[in-house]
């Protein structure tokens, strides 16, 4: 009988030691609360104890918040994400000490647009691939003009949903290539991803001054789905053709934004104050207007034109992009 009790105590102790490792927290709590198990959990590791303490602490913290808020809680508490991993949002301030309110980009991502760039530069198509790229882009302009006509705000949004795709696709494929070949990319992965992010910020800016209609949003799904896959295949087959297409797309973008500026100058489009996101992203003066934003965006497109024509020229010379340092930070 005494041996039987000894075995029972030994089994209980062993179960207590290993239960947190093999069973869920809820199941372990249920077993530990049983009257049969009275031996303290001596074998629990530091890791298991800290996790259980964190879980218990989280429950107490939540109960405290509910008690303070009268059970309902404030809107801020409802949106707060509680975790014990200790990853708190970075607190950033502007130069004047005021809090930085944008989470999609930081002060070190901002810059002043170079408006002195040559907007009239054009790569004359000479080879067969160049002519294919040129006329492919030209053929896409006709349905765009027909659909949007003179609604340049919505036109800009549609343009940016497409323009942000090539940099991401090219950067992703170069990233995979770098992994496969165990080699550096010469900075081109970062350069192309910077381009994609810059184009996306254009879209976020124009969303503040224009509201797309439901069928325009639906069109984005269709166009992006077709263009992403087409550009993906095109880049795999011929990167020099893919970059040349983007170079000509950016030339068309410069033309579109020039027409946008004419409409603003003629008073056909109201020159509203610049959105706060644009003022912070391009470091514009506080009293800037939509015209100043369009000037900055057009300059960005001119820089993207140069980068992609440059990348295509490298491939035409029979070289790899990694052999020429990427123009990082070239806005």
Protein backbone atom coordinates (compact mmCIF):
# COMPACT_ATOMS: atom_id res chain seq x y z
CA UNK A 1 0.00 0.00 0.00
CA UNK A 2 2.84 2.39 0.92
CA UNK A 3 4.65 1.55 -2.33
CA UNK A 4 1.47 2.27 -4.25
CA UNK A 5 1.21 5.72 -2.65
CA UNK A 6 4.87 6.38 -3.39
CA UNK A 7 4.41 5.51 -7.05
CA UNK A 8 1.34 7.77 -7.21
CA UNK A 9 3.31 10.73 -5.80
CA UNK A 10 6.23 10.07 -8.17
CA UNK A 11 3.91 9.91 -11.21
CA UNK A 12 2.16 13.11 -10.14
CA UNK A 13 5.47 14.93 -9.78
CA UNK A 14 6.68 13.78 -13.20
CA UNK A 15 3.38 14.77 -14.83
CA UNK A 16 3.62 18.20 -13.24
CA UNK A 17 7.12 18.68 -14.64
CA UNK A 18 6.34 17.75 -18.24
CA UNK A 19 2.72 18.88 -18.60
CA UNK A 20 3.46 22.52 -19.61
CA UNK A 21 5.72 21.23 -22.37
CA UNK A 22 3.29 18.79 -23.99
CA UNK A 23 -0.16 20.11 -23.10
CA UNK A 24 -1.95 23.42 -23.68
CA UNK A 25 -2.02 26.06 -20.98
CA UNK A 26 -5.72 25.53 -20.37
CA UNK A 27 -5.29 21.76 -19.95
CA UNK A 28 -2.31 22.23 -17.64
CA UNK A 29 -4.20 24.63 -15.43
CA UNK A 30 -7.03 22.14 -15.17
CA UNK A 31 -4.70 19.36 -14.09
CA UNK A 32 -2.73 21.52 -11.68
CA UNK A 33 -5.93 22.61 -9.96
CA UNK A 34 -6.82 18.98 -9.19
CA UNK A 35 -6.66 18.09 -5.52
CA UNK A 36 -4.61 14.98 -6.32
CA UNK A 37 -1.62 17.07 -7.46
CA UNK A 38 -0.20 18.91 -4.50
CA UNK A 39 3.50 18.89 -5.39
CA UNK A 40 4.84 22.34 -6.49
CA UNK A 41 5.96 22.65 -10.13
CA UNK A 42 9.66 22.51 -9.35
CA UNK A 43 10.64 21.32 -12.82
CA UNK A 44 9.11 24.20 -14.75
CA UNK A 45 11.76 25.95 -16.82
CA UNK A 46 12.29 29.69 -16.81
CA UNK A 47 10.89 29.93 -20.32
CA UNK A 48 7.62 28.19 -19.42
CA UNK A 49 7.20 30.20 -16.22
CA UNK A 50 7.78 33.49 -18.01
CA UNK A 51 5.24 32.63 -20.70
CA UNK A 52 2.60 31.63 -18.18
CA UNK A 53 3.30 34.74 -16.10
CA UNK A 54 2.95 36.87 -19.21
CA UNK A 55 -0.34 35.23 -20.06
CA UNK A 56 -1.60 35.77 -16.54
CA UNK A 57 -0.32 39.34 -16.55
CA UNK A 58 -2.10 40.03 -19.82
CA UNK A 59 -5.38 38.81 -18.32
CA UNK A 60 -4.95 41.04 -15.25
CA UNK A 61 -4.04 44.00 -17.46
CA UNK A 62 -7.16 43.48 -19.54
CA UNK A 63 -9.33 43.21 -16.42
CA UNK A 64 -7.81 46.42 -15.06
CA UNK A 65 -8.58 48.27 -18.31
CA UNK A 66 -12.15 47.03 -18.29
CA UNK A 67 -12.55 48.08 -14.66
CA UNK A 68 -11.22 51.58 -15.32
CA UNK A 69 -13.33 52.02 -18.44
CA UNK A 70 -16.49 50.84 -16.75
CA UNK A 71 -16.62 47.66 -18.83
CA UNK A 72 -16.91 49.41 -22.19
CA UNK A 73 -13.42 50.80 -22.65
CA UNK A 74 -12.41 53.70 -24.86
CA UNK A 75 -11.95 53.56 -28.63
CA UNK A 76 -8.18 53.77 -28.13
CA UNK A 77 -8.17 50.75 -25.82
CA UNK A 78 -10.27 48.77 -28.30
CA UNK A 79 -7.71 49.34 -31.07
CA UNK A 80 -4.64 48.71 -28.92
CA UNK A 81 -2.77 45.50 -29.68
CA UNK A 82 -1.63 43.78 -26.50
CA UNK A 83 1.36 41.45 -26.69
CA UNK A 84 4.17 40.36 -24.38
CA UNK A 85 6.85 40.41 -27.14
CA UNK A 86 7.86 43.97 -26.26
CA UNK A 87 7.69 45.40 -29.79
CA UNK A 88 6.42 48.91 -29.23
CA UNK A 89 5.96 51.41 -32.11
CA UNK A 90 8.93 53.70 -32.60
CA UNK A 91 8.19 57.24 -31.48
CA UNK A 92 9.48 59.73 -34.04
CA UNK A 93 9.34 63.52 -33.99
CA UNK A 94 9.77 66.21 -36.61
CA UNK A 95 12.63 68.68 -36.56
CA UNK A 96 10.45 71.16 -34.66
CA UNK A 97 9.69 68.54 -32.00
CA UNK A 98 6.09 67.89 -33.03
CA UNK A 99 5.07 64.22 -33.24
CA UNK A 100 5.44 62.40 -36.56
CA UNK A 101 1.99 61.07 -37.48
CA UNK A 102 2.80 58.91 -40.51
CA UNK A 103 3.50 55.22 -40.06
CA UNK A 104 3.84 54.41 -43.79
CA UNK A 105 7.09 56.42 -44.06
CA UNK A 106 9.56 58.06 -41.70
CA UNK A 107 11.41 61.41 -41.73
CA UNK A 108 14.54 59.74 -43.13
CA UNK A 109 12.49 58.55 -46.14
CA UNK A 110 11.53 62.10 -47.11
CA UNK A 111 13.36 64.34 -49.59
CA UNK A 112 13.06 67.46 -51.70
CA UNK A 113 12.12 66.85 -55.32
CA UNK A 114 14.73 67.87 -57.90
CA UNK A 115 12.65 70.07 -60.20
CA UNK A 116 15.66 70.97 -62.35
CA UNK A 117 15.73 67.59 -64.11
CA UNK A 118 15.40 67.60 -67.90
CA UNK A 119 11.81 66.66 -68.68
CA UNK A 120 12.26 66.50 -72.46
CA UNK A 121 14.81 63.71 -72.66
CA UNK A 122 13.60 60.90 -74.90
CA UNK A 123 15.15 57.58 -75.87
CA UNK A 124 14.75 57.24 -79.61
CA UNK A 125 13.76 53.65 -80.45
CA UNK A 126 16.34 52.10 -82.78
CA UNK A 127 16.32 48.33 -82.30
CA UNK A 128 13.36 46.06 -82.88
CA UNK A 129 12.84 45.54 -79.16
CA UNK A 130 12.92 49.29 -78.55
CA UNK A 131 10.28 49.86 -81.21
CA UNK A 132 8.14 47.09 -79.75
CA UNK A 133 8.39 48.66 -76.31
CA UNK A 134 7.65 52.13 -77.66
CA UNK A 135 4.57 51.18 -79.64
CA UNK A 136 3.28 48.93 -76.86
CA UNK A 137 3.20 51.93 -74.55
CA UNK A 138 1.74 54.21 -77.23
CA UNK A 139 -1.05 51.71 -77.89
CA UNK A 140 -1.97 51.74 -74.19
CA UNK A 141 -2.33 55.51 -74.16
CA UNK A 142 -5.33 55.63 -76.52
CA UNK A 143 -7.78 53.66 -74.31
CA UNK A 144 -6.52 55.58 -71.26
CA UNK A 145 -7.26 58.93 -72.93
CA UNK A 146 -10.67 57.67 -74.01
CA UNK A 147 -11.63 56.39 -70.56
CA UNK A 148 -10.39 59.22 -68.33
CA UNK A 149 -10.53 62.09 -70.82
CA UNK A 150 -9.65 65.22 -68.79
CA UNK A 151 -10.18 63.80 -65.29
CA UNK A 152 -6.49 63.99 -64.46
CA UNK A 153 -6.89 63.30 -60.75
CA UNK A 154 -8.41 59.86 -61.36
CA UNK A 155 -6.05 59.35 -64.28
CA UNK A 156 -3.09 59.92 -61.97
CA UNK A 157 -4.41 57.36 -59.50
CA UNK A 158 -4.85 54.74 -62.19
CA UNK A 159 -1.40 55.52 -63.57
CA UNK A 160 0.23 55.06 -60.17
CA UNK A 161 -1.49 51.71 -59.50
CA UNK A 162 0.26 50.45 -62.63
CA UNK A 163 3.53 52.35 -62.26
CA UNK A 164 4.18 50.87 -58.82
CA UNK A 165 4.20 47.31 -60.20
CA UNK A 166 7.41 47.11 -62.33
CA UNK A 167 9.79 48.15 -59.56
CA UNK A 168 8.36 45.55 -57.20
CA UNK A 169 8.42 42.79 -59.83
CA UNK A 170 11.95 43.62 -60.98
CA UNK A 171 13.25 43.92 -57.41
CA UNK A 172 11.62 40.62 -56.45
CA UNK A 173 13.11 38.74 -59.40
CA UNK A 174 16.56 40.23 -58.80
CA UNK A 175 16.22 39.29 -55.14
CA UNK A 176 15.50 35.66 -56.05
CA UNK A 177 18.36 35.69 -58.56
CA UNK A 178 20.75 36.99 -55.90
CA UNK A 179 19.70 34.15 -53.59
CA UNK A 180 20.10 31.49 -56.28
CA UNK A 181 23.53 32.64 -57.39
CA UNK A 182 24.88 33.70 -53.99
CA UNK A 183 25.86 37.12 -55.36
CA UNK A 184 25.27 40.81 -54.76
CA UNK A 185 22.91 42.84 -56.94
CA UNK A 186 24.94 46.02 -57.10
CA UNK A 187 22.19 47.82 -55.17
CA UNK A 188 19.59 47.31 -57.89
CA UNK A 189 17.20 45.40 -55.65
CA UNK A 190 17.00 48.36 -53.30
CA UNK A 191 16.81 50.86 -56.17
CA UNK A 192 13.85 49.13 -57.81
CA UNK A 193 12.01 48.66 -54.52
CA UNK A 194 12.59 52.35 -53.76
CA UNK A 195 10.98 53.14 -57.10
CA UNK A 196 7.96 50.95 -56.31
CA UNK A 197 7.54 52.58 -52.90
CA UNK A 198 7.85 56.06 -54.38
CA UNK A 199 5.12 55.31 -56.93
CA UNK A 200 2.90 53.95 -54.17
CA UNK A 201 3.37 57.18 -52.21
CA UNK A 202 2.18 59.05 -55.30
CA UNK A 203 -1.00 57.00 -55.13
CA UNK A 204 -1.47 57.64 -51.40
CA UNK A 205 -1.12 61.37 -52.11
CA UNK A 206 -3.65 61.53 -54.93
CA UNK A 207 -6.12 59.51 -52.87
CA UNK A 208 -6.36 62.60 -50.65
CA UNK A 209 -7.52 64.88 -53.47
CA UNK A 210 -9.59 62.54 -55.62
CA UNK A 211 -12.18 59.86 -54.95
CA UNK A 212 -12.25 57.03 -57.53
CA UNK A 213 -15.61 55.66 -58.60
CA UNK A 214 -16.55 52.04 -58.01
CA UNK A 215 -15.92 50.98 -61.61
CA UNK A 216 -12.52 52.67 -61.56
CA UNK A 217 -11.60 50.67 -58.48
CA UNK A 218 -12.78 47.52 -60.24
CA UNK A 219 -10.69 48.46 -63.26
CA UNK A 220 -7.61 48.63 -61.05
CA UNK A 221 -8.10 44.96 -60.12
CA UNK A 222 -8.32 43.94 -63.77
CA UNK A 223 -5.47 46.10 -65.05
CA UNK A 224 -3.14 45.24 -62.18
CA UNK A 225 -3.84 41.53 -62.53
CA UNK A 226 -3.07 41.54 -66.25
CA UNK A 227 -0.12 43.92 -66.07
CA UNK A 228 1.59 42.22 -63.12
CA UNK A 229 1.62 38.82 -64.79
CA UNK A 230 2.53 40.22 -68.20
CA UNK A 231 5.43 42.22 -66.80
CA UNK A 232 6.56 39.26 -64.69
CA UNK A 233 6.83 37.05 -67.76
CA UNK A 234 8.34 39.86 -69.82
CA UNK A 235 11.07 40.49 -67.25
CA UNK A 236 11.97 36.81 -67.12
CA UNK A 237 12.18 36.62 -70.92
CA UNK A 238 13.95 39.93 -71.57
CA UNK A 239 14.88 42.38 -68.77
CA UNK A 240 16.16 44.91 -71.29
CA UNK A 241 12.74 44.96 -72.98
CA UNK A 242 10.94 45.20 -69.62
CA UNK A 243 13.03 48.15 -68.43
CA UNK A 244 12.63 49.88 -71.79
CA UNK A 245 8.84 49.56 -71.52
CA UNK A 246 8.94 51.21 -68.09
CA UNK A 247 11.19 53.96 -69.44
CA UNK A 248 8.61 54.79 -72.11
CA UNK A 249 5.78 54.50 -69.57
CA UNK A 250 7.51 57.13 -67.46
CA UNK A 251 7.85 59.38 -70.50
CA UNK A 252 4.08 59.13 -70.96
CA UNK A 253 3.62 59.85 -67.27
CA UNK A 254 5.63 63.07 -67.66
CA UNK A 255 3.33 64.07 -70.53
CA UNK A 256 0.20 63.30 -68.47
CA UNK A 257 1.37 65.38 -65.51
CA UNK A 258 2.32 68.23 -67.83
CA UNK A 259 -1.27 68.23 -69.11
CA UNK A 260 -2.44 68.09 -65.49
CA UNK A 261 -0.44 71.26 -64.76
CA UNK A 262 -1.96 73.02 -67.78
CA UNK A 263 -5.46 72.28 -66.49
CA UNK A 264 -4.50 73.66 -63.09
CA UNK A 265 -3.01 76.81 -64.60
CA UNK A 266 -6.10 77.36 -66.78
CA UNK A 267 -8.39 77.05 -63.77
CA UNK A 268 -10.18 73.95 -65.08
CA UNK A 269 -9.03 72.06 -61.96
CA UNK A 270 -9.13 73.71 -58.57
CA UNK A 271 -5.67 74.28 -57.13
CA UNK A 272 -6.51 73.02 -53.64
CA UNK A 273 -4.03 73.03 -50.73
CA UNK A 274 -1.50 70.21 -50.81
CA UNK A 275 -2.38 67.19 -48.66
CA UNK A 276 -0.42 67.00 -45.37
CA UNK A 277 1.09 63.66 -46.43
CA UNK A 278 2.59 65.32 -49.53
CA UNK A 279 3.95 68.26 -47.54
CA UNK A 280 5.81 65.91 -45.20
CA UNK A 281 6.95 63.43 -47.87
CA UNK A 282 8.45 66.01 -50.25
CA UNK A 283 9.32 68.51 -47.50
CA UNK A 284 7.14 71.14 -49.13
CA UNK A 285 6.37 74.53 -47.55
CA UNK A 286 3.22 74.54 -45.37
CA UNK A 287 1.33 76.74 -47.84
CA UNK A 288 1.98 74.46 -50.84
CA UNK A 289 -0.81 73.62 -53.29
CA UNK A 290 -1.78 70.76 -55.56
CA UNK A 291 0.32 72.33 -58.31
CA UNK A 292 3.45 71.98 -56.18
CA UNK A 293 2.60 68.32 -55.59
CA UNK A 294 2.16 67.63 -59.32
CA UNK A 295 5.53 69.29 -60.01
CA UNK A 296 7.21 67.00 -57.47
CA UNK A 297 5.50 63.89 -58.83
CA UNK A 298 6.45 64.77 -62.40
CA UNK A 299 10.08 65.16 -61.36
CA UNK A 300 9.96 61.72 -59.72
CA UNK A 301 8.65 60.20 -62.94
CA UNK A 302 11.51 61.78 -64.88
CA UNK A 303 14.02 60.19 -62.52
CA UNK A 304 12.34 56.79 -62.90
CA UNK A 305 12.54 57.25 -66.67
CA UNK A 306 16.30 57.74 -66.42
CA UNK A 307 16.81 54.74 -64.13
CA UNK A 308 14.91 52.29 -66.34
CA UNK A 309 16.44 53.46 -69.62
CA UNK A 310 19.84 53.20 -67.92
CA UNK A 311 19.06 49.63 -66.78
CA UNK A 312 17.96 48.68 -70.28
CA UNK A 313 21.14 50.13 -71.78
CA UNK A 314 23.24 48.01 -69.42
CA UNK A 315 21.52 44.87 -70.70
CA UNK A 316 21.93 46.02 -74.32
CA UNK A 317 25.68 46.14 -73.73
CA UNK A 318 25.58 42.47 -72.78
CA UNK A 319 26.27 43.15 -69.11
CA UNK A 320 24.46 42.42 -65.84
CA UNK A 321 22.91 45.13 -63.68
CA UNK A 322 25.23 44.25 -60.80
CA UNK A 323 28.19 45.42 -62.92
CA UNK A 324 26.98 49.03 -62.74
CA UNK A 325 26.26 50.55 -59.30
CA UNK A 326 22.57 51.32 -58.91
CA UNK A 327 21.53 54.99 -58.60
CA UNK A 328 20.28 54.64 -55.03
CA UNK A 329 18.40 57.64 -53.68
CA UNK A 330 18.02 59.07 -57.19
CA UNK A 331 14.70 60.89 -56.93
